[in-house]
Amino acid sequence: MDSKRPLVTAIITTYNRTDYLAEAIASVCKQSYDRLEILVVDDGSTDQSAKQICSQFPEVQYHYKTNGGLSSARNYGVSLAQGEFVCFLDDDDLWKPEKVEVQLQAFKAFPEVRLVHSSAAVIDAQGNLTGAQIGASPEKAHKRSGQVFWNALGVWVPKSPTVMIRKSAFADDLLFDESIKVGEDIDFYQRFCYRYPVRYITEPLALYREYEQTDRLSTQRAKYLGIGLKMLRNFSAMGVGGFTRWKIAQRLLTMELRHYAQAYPDRPLKIPAWRRKAFPIGCLKQYFSH
């Protein structure tokens, strides 16, 4: 192992779900790039299963913490990370063997970026490829590299299992918001794209598992409601104000209305178009404040 090559930290978060954890860890251990620090952050699981699984992998550092949610677990992992670059992996998703190596090459080719992300291939509960892919269509892939903030805001975010981030980009005002329990990726990555340029790789470097599970947070659309106002608050904490803040609020209100329509298709929320455009912050506070 060449100590002159950059150290990459993989942060795998888990909580009371060990069905796929060993497979997730193994996908990191099998990377073609071997200068890795592998951290498993157990966010307060109620049994010893995750610890026992981690003990089967000598490369893994297991860290237990009091339950605080996914944002808390990721922030804790970042605080522990020794790597120059940081990657995240949920305990039910996988990496392709070349992921880390390909992304490091992208950072070398585009040193101005602070995040490299990619598309992801979808697998089912058994790990079989479904043929679906998450990411940009070929004609829109170029819109996911560079200063992508206005392309992305309220529309898309990098998929967490695909990202690699230069650790120096994290800051007190650019971490995961621990008060957001559903949709924390939306908040963090869109704020990240406001501050830094990113690079997109069309090749799927991660495998994203889709399956029916009643407690999987990403399937509970109604719980996304209210995130827009929290995001606006976080943009303000980053120093965003004036016309830019108002324009961001317009996009966030449109996003909230889309989430509402998905959650309650039979209960339309009618807000006059002129009001949405002129008073987006007021609308967010009136209709989506919890």
C-alpha atoms as a PDB file:
ATOM      1  CA  MET A   1       0.000   0.000   0.000  1.00  0.00           C
ATOM      2  CA  ASP A   2       1.468   3.315  -1.099  1.00  0.00           C
ATOM      3  CA  SER A   3       1.197   5.799   1.785  1.00  0.00           C
ATOM      4  CA  LYS A   4       1.701   8.686  -0.665  1.00  0.00           C
ATOM      5  CA  ARG A   5      -1.678   8.042  -2.261  1.00  0.00           C
ATOM      6  CA  PRO A   6      -4.636   9.834  -0.643  1.00  0.00           C
ATOM      7  CA  LEU A   7      -6.492   8.078   2.150  1.00  0.00           C
ATOM      8  CA  VAL A   8     -10.203   7.664   1.468  1.00  0.00           C
ATOM      9  CA  THR A   9     -12.672   7.203   4.335  1.00  0.00           C
ATOM     10  CA  ALA A  10     -15.806   5.145   3.735  1.00  0.00           C
ATOM     11  CA  ILE A  11     -18.573   5.870   6.254  1.00  0.00           C
ATOM     12  CA  ILE A  12     -21.217   3.129   6.458  1.00  0.00           C
ATOM     13  CA  THR A  13     -24.188   4.039   8.655  1.00  0.00           C
ATOM     14  CA  THR A  14     -26.482   1.433  10.170  1.00  0.00           C
ATOM     15  CA  TYR A  15     -29.369   1.224  12.606  1.00  0.00           C
ATOM     16  CA  ASN A  16     -31.320  -1.912  13.472  1.00  0.00           C
ATOM     17  CA  ARG A  17     -31.006  -3.258   9.927  1.00  0.00           C
ATOM     18  CA  THR A  18     -28.387  -5.905   9.323  1.00  0.00           C
ATOM     19  CA  ASP A  19     -29.907  -7.903   6.459  1.00  0.00           C
ATOM     20  CA  TYR A  20     -27.491  -6.367   3.956  1.00  0.00           C
ATOM     21  CA  LEU A  21     -24.754  -4.891   6.152  1.00  0.00           C
ATOM     22  CA  ALA A  22     -22.168  -7.610   5.498  1.00  0.00           C
ATOM     23  CA  GLU A  23     -22.744  -7.262   1.754  1.00  0.00           C
ATOM     24  CA  ALA A  24     -22.355  -3.481   1.950  1.00  0.00           C
ATOM     25  CA  ILE A  25     -19.087  -3.764   3.892  1.00  0.00           C
ATOM     26  CA  ALA A  26     -17.762  -6.409   1.500  1.00  0.00           C
ATOM     27  CA  SER A  27     -18.394  -4.110  -1.477  1.00  0.00           C
ATOM     28  CA  VAL A  28     -16.084  -1.531   0.132  1.00  0.00           C
ATOM     29  CA  CYS A  29     -13.450  -4.098   1.054  1.00  0.00           C
ATOM     30  CA  LYS A  30     -13.379  -5.273  -2.578  1.00  0.00           C
ATOM     31  CA  GLN A  31     -12.470  -1.868  -4.003  1.00  0.00           C
ATOM     32  CA  SER A  32      -9.707  -1.816  -6.599  1.00  0.00           C
ATOM     33  CA  TYR A  33      -8.204   1.078  -4.590  1.00  0.00           C
ATOM     34  CA  ASP A  34      -6.823  -0.209  -1.309  1.00  0.00           C
ATOM     35  CA  ARG A  35      -5.857   2.843   0.756  1.00  0.00           C
ATOM     36  CA  LEU A  36      -9.164   2.937   2.600  1.00  0.00           C
ATOM     37  CA  GLU A  37     -10.362   3.701   6.093  1.00  0.00           C
ATOM     38  CA  ILE A  38     -13.683   1.911   6.684  1.00  0.00           C
ATOM     39  CA  LEU A  39     -15.888   3.223   9.479  1.00  0.00           C
ATOM     40  CA  VAL A  40     -19.204   1.644  10.432  1.00  0.00           C
ATOM     41  CA  VAL A  41     -21.264   4.048  12.522  1.00  0.00           C
ATOM     42  CA  ASP A  42     -23.975   2.228  14.471  1.00  0.00           C
ATOM     43  CA  ASP A  43     -26.615   4.819  15.331  1.00  0.00           C
ATOM     44  CA  GLY A  44     -27.820   3.175  18.532  1.00  0.00           C
ATOM     45  CA  SER A  45     -28.954  -0.278  17.390  1.00  0.00           C
ATOM     46  CA  THR A  46     -30.778  -2.204  20.086  1.00  0.00           C
ATOM     47  CA  ASP A  47     -28.782  -5.428  19.717  1.00  0.00           C
ATOM     48  CA  GLN A  48     -25.222  -6.526  18.971  1.00  0.00           C
ATOM     49  CA  SER A  49     -25.829  -7.778  15.432  1.00  0.00           C
ATOM     50  CA  ALA A  50     -24.021  -4.946  13.630  1.00  0.00           C
ATOM     51  CA  LYS A  51     -21.016  -5.223  15.950  1.00  0.00           C
ATOM     52  CA  GLN A  52     -20.850  -8.968  15.361  1.00  0.00           C
ATOM     53  CA  ILE A  53     -20.965  -8.513  11.592  1.00  0.00           C
ATOM     54  CA  CYS A  54     -18.209  -5.890  11.706  1.00  0.00           C
ATOM     55  CA  SER A  55     -16.005  -8.237  13.724  1.00  0.00           C
ATOM     56  CA  GLN A  56     -15.835 -10.483  10.639  1.00  0.00           C
ATOM     57  CA  PHE A  57     -13.971  -7.741   8.741  1.00  0.00           C
ATOM     58  CA  PRO A  58     -10.519  -6.873  10.157  1.00  0.00           C
ATOM     59  CA  GLU A  59     -10.406  -3.708   8.021  1.00  0.00           C
ATOM     60  CA  VAL A  60     -13.486  -2.215   9.669  1.00  0.00           C
ATOM     61  CA  GLN A  61     -13.585   0.193  12.607  1.00  0.00           C
ATOM     62  CA  TYR A  62     -16.908  -0.156  14.437  1.00  0.00           C
ATOM     63  CA  HIS A  63     -18.269   2.894  16.282  1.00  0.00           C
ATOM     64  CA  TYR A  64     -21.423   2.857  18.386  1.00  0.00           C
ATOM     65  CA  LYS A  65     -23.269   6.056  19.249  1.00  0.00           C
ATOM     66  CA  THR A  66     -26.553   7.046  20.863  1.00  0.00           C
ATOM     67  CA  ASN A  67     -29.376   7.138  18.349  1.00  0.00           C
ATOM     68  CA  GLY A  68     -29.699  10.529  16.701  1.00  0.00           C
ATOM     69  CA  GLY A  69     -30.778   9.804  13.136  1.00  0.00           C
ATOM     70  CA  LEU A  70     -28.952   9.450   9.829  1.00  0.00           C
ATOM     71  CA  SER A  71     -27.669  13.048   9.751  1.00  0.00           C
ATOM     72  CA  SER A  72     -26.182  12.626  13.204  1.00  0.00           C
ATOM     73  CA  ALA A  73     -24.535   9.338  12.218  1.00  0.00           C
ATOM     74  CA  ARG A  74     -22.987  10.812   9.082  1.00  0.00           C
ATOM     75  CA  ASN A  75     -21.728  13.899  10.906  1.00  0.00           C
ATOM     76  CA  TYR A  76     -20.191  11.672  13.562  1.00  0.00           C
ATOM     77  CA  GLY A  77     -18.480   9.646  10.861  1.00  0.00           C
ATOM     78  CA  VAL A  78     -17.099  12.816   9.273  1.00  0.00           C
ATOM     79  CA  SER A  79     -15.727  13.908  12.658  1.00  0.00           C
ATOM     80  CA  LEU A  80     -13.878  10.591  12.957  1.00  0.00           C
ATOM     81  CA  ALA A  81     -12.650  10.418   9.366  1.00  0.00           C
ATOM     82  CA  GLN A  82      -8.910  10.665   8.785  1.00  0.00           C
ATOM     83  CA  GLY A  83      -9.140  10.544   5.000  1.00  0.00           C
ATOM     84  CA  GLU A  84      -8.540  13.353   2.562  1.00  0.00           C
ATOM     85  CA  PHE A  85     -11.737  12.215   0.855  1.00  0.00           C
ATOM     86  CA  VAL A  86     -14.988  10.976   2.405  1.00  0.00           C
ATOM     87  CA  CYS A  87     -17.669   8.691   0.959  1.00  0.00           C
ATOM     88  CA  PHE A  88     -21.005   7.545   2.364  1.00  0.00           C
ATOM     89  CA  LEU A  89     -22.756   4.205   2.032  1.00  0.00           C
ATOM     90  CA  ASP A  90     -26.090   3.176   3.529  1.00  0.00           C
ATOM     91  CA  ASP A  91     -26.219  -0.316   4.975  1.00  0.00           C
ATOM     92  CA  ASP A  92     -28.441  -1.691   2.199  1.00  0.00           C
ATOM     93  CA  ASP A  93     -26.612  -0.266  -0.824  1.00  0.00           C
ATOM     94  CA  LEU A  94     -23.401  -1.374  -2.565  1.00  0.00           C
ATOM     95  CA  TRP A  95     -20.392   0.031  -4.378  1.00  0.00           C
ATOM     96  CA  LYS A  96     -18.986  -1.263  -7.623  1.00  0.00           C
ATOM     97  CA  PRO A  97     -15.340  -2.365  -7.252  1.00  0.00           C
ATOM     98  CA  GLU A  98     -13.941   0.532  -9.290  1.00  0.00           C
ATOM     99  CA  LYS A  99     -15.900   3.326  -7.559  1.00  0.00           C
ATOM    100  CA  VAL A 100     -13.161   4.864  -5.421  1.00  0.00           C
ATOM    101  CA  GLU A 101     -10.455   4.590  -8.064  1.00  0.00           C
ATOM    102  CA  VAL A 102     -12.591   6.185 -10.787  1.00  0.00           C
ATOM    103  CA  GLN A 103     -13.605   9.062  -8.549  1.00  0.00           C
ATOM    104  CA  LEU A 104     -10.054   9.798  -7.454  1.00  0.00           C
ATOM    105  CA  GLN A 105      -9.106  10.006 -11.109  1.00  0.00           C
ATOM    106  CA  ALA A 106     -11.895  12.552 -11.589  1.00  0.00           C
ATOM    107  CA  PHE A 107     -10.614  14.665  -8.701  1.00  0.00           C
ATOM    108  CA  LYS A 108      -7.147  14.600 -10.240  1.00  0.00           C
ATOM    109  CA  ALA A 109      -8.504  15.682 -13.616  1.00  0.00           C
ATOM    110  CA  PHE A 110     -10.775  18.393 -12.140  1.00  0.00           C
ATOM    111  CA  PRO A 111      -8.999  19.712  -9.022  1.00  0.00           C
ATOM    112  CA  GLU A 112     -11.420  22.639  -8.652  1.00  0.00           C
ATOM    113  CA  VAL A 113     -14.368  20.420  -7.681  1.00  0.00           C
ATOM    114  CA  ARG A 114     -15.152  19.375  -4.131  1.00  0.00           C
ATOM    115  CA  LEU A 115     -17.586  16.533  -4.861  1.00  0.00           C
ATOM    116  CA  VAL A 116     -17.692  13.784  -7.479  1.00  0.00           C
ATOM    117  CA  HIS A 117     -20.931  11.835  -7.975  1.00  0.00           C
ATOM    118  CA  SER A 118     -22.322   9.384 -10.475  1.00  0.00           C
ATOM    119  CA  SER A 119     -25.388   7.532 -11.615  1.00  0.00           C
ATOM    120  CA  ALA A 120     -26.473   4.395  -9.741  1.00  0.00           C
ATOM    121  CA  ALA A 121     -27.830   1.097 -10.979  1.00  0.00           C
ATOM    122  CA  VAL A 122     -30.939  -0.167  -9.195  1.00  0.00           C
ATOM    123  CA  ILE A 123     -31.010  -3.613  -7.598  1.00  0.00           C
ATOM    124  CA  ASP A 124     -33.889  -5.454  -5.935  1.00  0.00           C
ATOM    125  CA  ALA A 125     -34.086  -6.962  -2.457  1.00  0.00           C
ATOM    126  CA  GLN A 126     -32.091  -9.995  -3.613  1.00  0.00           C
ATOM    127  CA  GLY A 127     -29.361  -7.891  -5.192  1.00  0.00           C
ATOM    128  CA  ASN A 128     -30.414  -8.504  -8.788  1.00  0.00           C
ATOM    129  CA  LEU A 129     -30.098  -5.687 -11.315  1.00  0.00           C
ATOM    130  CA  THR A 130     -33.548  -4.425 -12.288  1.00  0.00           C
ATOM    131  CA  GLY A 131     -32.376  -2.645 -15.429  1.00  0.00           C
ATOM    132  CA  ALA A 132     -33.312   0.746 -13.988  1.00  0.00           C
ATOM    133  CA  GLN A 133     -30.773   3.479 -13.398  1.00  0.00           C
ATOM    134  CA  ILE A 134     -30.833   6.612 -11.246  1.00  0.00           C
ATOM    135  CA  GLY A 135     -29.155   9.632 -12.762  1.00  0.00           C
ATOM    136  CA  ALA A 136     -29.252  12.030 -15.661  1.00  0.00           C
ATOM    137  CA  SER A 137     -30.351  11.115 -19.149  1.00  0.00           C
ATOM    138  CA  PRO A 138     -27.475  11.253 -21.688  1.00  0.00           C
ATOM    139  CA  GLU A 139     -28.602  14.592 -23.110  1.00  0.00           C
ATOM    140  CA  LYS A 140     -28.733  16.180 -19.635  1.00  0.00           C
ATOM    141  CA  ALA A 141     -25.639  14.645 -18.049  1.00  0.00           C
ATOM    142  CA  HIS A 142     -23.589  17.787 -18.693  1.00  0.00           C
ATOM    143  CA  LYS A 143     -25.935  19.737 -16.402  1.00  0.00           C
ATOM    144  CA  ARG A 144     -24.740  17.740 -13.395  1.00  0.00           C
ATOM    145  CA  SER A 145     -21.125  18.948 -13.561  1.00  0.00           C
ATOM    146  CA  GLY A 146     -19.732  22.339 -12.648  1.00  0.00           C
ATOM    147  CA  GLN A 147     -21.730  25.072 -10.927  1.00  0.00           C
ATOM    148  CA  VAL A 148     -24.964  23.092 -10.883  1.00  0.00           C
ATOM    149  CA  PHE A 149     -26.885  24.826  -8.098  1.00  0.00           C
ATOM    150  CA  TRP A 150     -29.685  26.392 -10.128  1.00  0.00           C
ATOM    151  CA  ASN A 151     -29.983  23.264 -12.269  1.00  0.00           C
ATOM    152  CA  ALA A 152     -30.343  21.116  -9.171  1.00  0.00           C
ATOM    153  CA  LEU A 153     -32.329  23.219  -6.708  1.00  0.00           C
ATOM    154  CA  GLY A 154     -35.643  21.555  -5.984  1.00  0.00           C
ATOM    155  CA  VAL A 155     -35.132  19.060  -8.805  1.00  0.00           C
ATOM    156  CA  TRP A 156     -32.321  16.591  -8.066  1.00  0.00           C
ATOM    157  CA  VAL A 157     -29.443  15.908  -5.709  1.00  0.00           C
ATOM    158  CA  PRO A 158     -26.395  13.653  -5.883  1.00  0.00           C
ATOM    159  CA  LYS A 159     -27.308  10.172  -4.681  1.00  0.00           C
ATOM    160  CA  SER A 160     -25.446   9.654  -1.403  1.00  0.00           C
ATOM    161  CA  PRO A 161     -23.990   6.185  -2.122  1.00  0.00           C
ATOM    162  CA  THR A 162     -22.351   7.601  -5.258  1.00  0.00           C
ATOM    163  CA  VAL A 163     -20.574  10.627  -3.793  1.00  0.00           C
ATOM    164  CA  MET A 164     -16.960  11.293  -2.878  1.00  0.00           C
ATOM    165  CA  ILE A 165     -16.294  14.571  -1.067  1.00  0.00           C
ATOM    166  CA  ARG A 166     -13.040  16.353  -0.294  1.00  0.00           C
ATOM    167  CA  LYS A 167     -13.106  16.408   3.505  1.00  0.00           C
ATOM    168  CA  SER A 168     -11.888  20.006   3.704  1.00  0.00           C
ATOM    169  CA  ALA A 169     -15.215  21.097   2.171  1.00  0.00           C
ATOM    170  CA  PHE A 170     -17.143  20.245   5.345  1.00  0.00           C
ATOM    171  CA  ALA A 171     -17.635  23.218   7.663  1.00  0.00           C
ATOM    172  CA  ASP A 172     -19.712  24.294  10.652  1.00  0.00           C
ATOM    173  CA  ASP A 173     -22.364  25.634   8.282  1.00  0.00           C
ATOM    174  CA  LEU A 174     -22.046  22.747   5.825  1.00  0.00           C
ATOM    175  CA  LEU A 175     -22.870  19.526   7.620  1.00  0.00           C
ATOM    176  CA  PHE A 176     -25.997  17.366   7.661  1.00  0.00           C
ATOM    177  CA  ASP A 177     -28.819  19.061   9.559  1.00  0.00           C
ATOM    178  CA  GLU A 178     -29.547  16.757  12.483  1.00  0.00           C
ATOM    179  CA  SER A 179     -33.039  18.210  12.945  1.00  0.00           C
ATOM    180  CA  ILE A 180     -34.052  16.864   9.520  1.00  0.00           C
ATOM    181  CA  LYS A 181     -35.062  13.215   9.816  1.00  0.00           C
ATOM    182  CA  VAL A 182     -36.371  12.703   6.270  1.00  0.00           C
ATOM    183  CA  GLY A 183     -34.795  14.328   3.234  1.00  0.00           C
ATOM    184  CA  GLU A 184     -31.507  15.296   4.872  1.00  0.00           C
ATOM    185  CA  ASP A 185     -29.738  14.583   1.562  1.00  0.00           C
ATOM    186  CA  ILE A 186     -31.893  17.180  -0.208  1.00  0.00           C
ATOM    187  CA  ASP A 187     -30.835  19.864   2.246  1.00  0.00           C
ATOM    188  CA  PHE A 188     -27.152  18.998   2.479  1.00  0.00           C
ATOM    189  CA  TYR A 189     -26.315  18.374  -1.166  1.00  0.00           C
ATOM    190  CA  GLN A 190     -28.199  21.372  -2.487  1.00  0.00           C
ATOM    191  CA  ARG A 191     -26.403  23.615  -0.012  1.00  0.00           C
ATOM    192  CA  PHE A 192     -23.155  21.926  -1.021  1.00  0.00           C
ATOM    193  CA  CYS A 193     -23.829  22.691  -4.679  1.00  0.00           C
ATOM    194  CA  TYR A 194     -24.481  26.325  -3.782  1.00  0.00           C
ATOM    195  CA  ARG A 195     -20.977  26.640  -2.380  1.00  0.00           C
ATOM    196  CA  TYR A 196     -18.866  24.340  -4.567  1.00  0.00           C
ATOM    197  CA  PRO A 197     -18.589  22.987  -8.112  1.00  0.00           C
ATOM    198  CA  VAL A 198     -19.091  19.243  -8.578  1.00  0.00           C
ATOM    199  CA  ARG A 199     -18.314  16.610 -11.208  1.00  0.00           C
ATOM    200  CA  TYR A 200     -20.684  13.969 -12.559  1.00  0.00           C
ATOM    201  CA  ILE A 201     -19.709  10.549 -13.928  1.00  0.00           C
ATOM    202  CA  THR A 202     -22.297   8.912 -16.169  1.00  0.00           C
ATOM    203  CA  GLU A 203     -21.073   5.399 -15.347  1.00  0.00           C
ATOM    204  CA  PRO A 204     -23.053   3.871 -12.437  1.00  0.00           C
ATOM    205  CA  LEU A 205     -20.543   3.436  -9.611  1.00  0.00           C
ATOM    206  CA  ALA A 206     -23.009   2.334  -6.936  1.00  0.00           C
ATOM    207  CA  LEU A 207     -25.899  -0.089  -6.648  1.00  0.00           C
ATOM    208  CA  TYR A 208     -29.011   1.390  -5.056  1.00  0.00           C
ATOM    209  CA  ARG A 209     -31.398  -1.110  -3.510  1.00  0.00           C
ATOM    210  CA  GLU A 210     -35.124  -0.547  -4.009  1.00  0.00           C
ATOM    211  CA  TYR A 211     -37.591  -2.710  -2.149  1.00  0.00           C
ATOM    212  CA  GLU A 212     -40.850  -2.499  -0.271  1.00  0.00           C
ATOM    213  CA  GLN A 213     -40.322  -1.790   3.399  1.00  0.00           C
ATOM    214  CA  THR A 214     -42.893   0.136   5.383  1.00  0.00           C
ATOM    215  CA  ASP A 215     -40.380   1.913   7.604  1.00  0.00           C
ATOM    216  CA  ARG A 216     -37.991   2.998   4.855  1.00  0.00           C
ATOM    217  CA  LEU A 217     -37.933   6.764   5.245  1.00  0.00           C
ATOM    218  CA  SER A 218     -37.522   7.575   1.563  1.00  0.00           C
ATOM    219  CA  THR A 219     -40.938   6.023   0.816  1.00  0.00           C
ATOM    220  CA  GLN A 220     -42.849   8.198   3.303  1.00  0.00           C
ATOM    221  CA  ARG A 221     -43.569  11.210   1.102  1.00  0.00           C
ATOM    222  CA  ALA A 222     -45.689  13.129   3.604  1.00  0.00           C
ATOM    223  CA  LYS A 223     -42.727  13.340   5.963  1.00  0.00           C
ATOM    224  CA  TYR A 224     -40.809  15.429   3.423  1.00  0.00           C
ATOM    225  CA  LEU A 225     -43.274  18.277   3.904  1.00  0.00           C
ATOM    226  CA  GLY A 226     -41.740  21.202   5.782  1.00  0.00           C
ATOM    227  CA  ILE A 227     -38.189  20.581   4.629  1.00  0.00           C
ATOM    228  CA  GLY A 228     -38.230  23.690   2.412  1.00  0.00           C
ATOM    229  CA  LEU A 229     -38.439  26.109   5.324  1.00  0.00           C
ATOM    230  CA  LYS A 230     -35.614  24.290   7.116  1.00  0.00           C
ATOM    231  CA  MET A 231     -33.510  24.458   3.984  1.00  0.00           C
ATOM    232  CA  LEU A 232     -34.171  28.180   3.647  1.00  0.00           C
ATOM    233  CA  ARG A 233     -33.049  28.662   7.230  1.00  0.00           C
ATOM    234  CA  ASN A 234     -29.843  26.742   6.493  1.00  0.00           C
ATOM    235  CA  PHE A 235     -29.142  28.817   3.393  1.00  0.00           C
ATOM    236  CA  SER A 236     -29.561  31.930   5.532  1.00  0.00           C
ATOM    237  CA  ALA A 237     -27.048  30.515   8.035  1.00  0.00           C
ATOM    238  CA  MET A 238     -24.592  30.239   5.123  1.00  0.00           C
ATOM    239  CA  GLY A 239     -24.982  33.973   4.496  1.00  0.00           C
ATOM    240  CA  VAL A 240     -27.494  33.802   1.636  1.00  0.00           C
ATOM    241  CA  GLY A 241     -29.857  36.769   1.654  1.00  0.00           C
ATOM    242  CA  GLY A 242     -31.679  39.342  -0.442  1.00  0.00           C
ATOM    243  CA  PHE A 243     -32.848  38.519  -3.946  1.00  0.00           C
ATOM    244  CA  THR A 244     -30.977  35.203  -4.016  1.00  0.00           C
ATOM    245  CA  ARG A 245     -32.768  34.015  -0.873  1.00  0.00           C
ATOM    246  CA  TRP A 246     -36.137  35.052  -2.345  1.00  0.00           C
ATOM    247  CA  LYS A 247     -35.371  33.204  -5.584  1.00  0.00           C
ATOM    248  CA  ILE A 248     -34.319  30.102  -3.634  1.00  0.00           C
ATOM    249  CA  ALA A 249     -37.565  30.301  -1.647  1.00  0.00           C
ATOM    250  CA  GLN A 250     -39.562  30.240  -4.900  1.00  0.00           C
ATOM    251  CA  ARG A 251     -37.857  27.010  -5.947  1.00  0.00           C
ATOM    252  CA  LEU A 252     -38.302  25.463  -2.512  1.00  0.00           C
ATOM    253  CA  LEU A 253     -42.007  26.314  -2.515  1.00  0.00           C
ATOM    254  CA  THR A 254     -42.392  24.601  -5.892  1.00  0.00           C
ATOM    255  CA  MET A 255     -40.601  21.565  -4.449  1.00  0.00           C
ATOM    256  CA  GLU A 256     -42.902  21.507  -1.411  1.00  0.00           C
ATOM    257  CA  LEU A 257     -45.990  21.701  -3.605  1.00  0.00           C
ATOM    258  CA  ARG A 258     -44.702  18.755  -5.634  1.00  0.00           C
ATOM    259  CA  HIS A 259     -44.102  16.727  -2.451  1.00  0.00           C
ATOM    260  CA  TYR A 260     -47.592  17.640  -1.257  1.00  0.00           C
ATOM    261  CA  ALA A 261     -49.172  16.499  -4.529  1.00  0.00           C
ATOM    262  CA  GLN A 262     -47.324  13.188  -4.281  1.00  0.00           C
ATOM    263  CA  ALA A 263     -48.370  12.661  -0.667  1.00  0.00           C
ATOM    264  CA  TYR A 264     -51.975  13.837  -1.025  1.00  0.00           C
ATOM    265  CA  PRO A 265     -53.088  13.490  -4.670  1.00  0.00           C
ATOM    266  CA  ASP A 266     -56.763  13.718  -3.674  1.00  0.00           C
ATOM    267  CA  ARG A 267     -56.355  16.887  -1.586  1.00  0.00           C
ATOM    268  CA  PRO A 268     -55.046  19.618  -3.913  1.00  0.00           C
ATOM    269  CA  LEU A 269     -53.509  22.668  -2.271  1.00  0.00           C
ATOM    270  CA  LYS A 270     -54.554  25.762  -4.207  1.00  0.00           C
ATOM    271  CA  ILE A 271     -52.302  28.800  -3.846  1.00  0.00           C
ATOM    272  CA  PRO A 272     -52.700  31.586  -6.439  1.00  0.00           C
ATOM    273  CA  ALA A 273     -49.757  31.723  -8.845  1.00  0.00           C
ATOM    274  CA  TRP A 274     -49.170  35.431  -8.178  1.00  0.00           C
ATOM    275  CA  ARG A 275     -48.867  34.730  -4.450  1.00  0.00           C
ATOM    276  CA  ARG A 276     -46.457  31.845  -4.969  1.00  0.00           C
ATOM    277  CA  LYS A 277     -44.256  34.087  -7.091  1.00  0.00           C
ATOM    278  CA  ALA A 278     -44.427  37.264  -4.997  1.00  0.00           C
ATOM    279  CA  PHE A 279     -44.472  35.829  -1.484  1.00  0.00           C
ATOM    280  CA  PRO A 280     -42.727  32.435  -1.497  1.00  0.00           C
ATOM    281  CA  ILE A 281     -41.318  32.791   2.011  1.00  0.00           C
ATOM    282  CA  GLY A 282     -44.734  33.685   3.416  1.00  0.00           C
ATOM    283  CA  CYS A 283     -46.288  30.698   1.630  1.00  0.00           C
ATOM    284  CA  LEU A 284     -43.653  28.359   3.008  1.00  0.00           C
ATOM    285  CA  LYS A 285     -44.359  29.628   6.516  1.00  0.00           C
ATOM    286  CA  GLN A 286     -48.141  29.497   6.150  1.00  0.00           C
ATOM    287  CA  TYR A 287     -48.539  26.126   4.462  1.00  0.00           C
ATOM    288  CA  PHE A 288     -45.433  24.143   5.301  1.00  0.00           C
ATOM    289  CA  SER A 289     -44.351  25.210   8.774  1.00  0.00           C
ATOM    290  CA  HIS A 290     -44.424  22.420  11.355  1.00  0.00           C
END
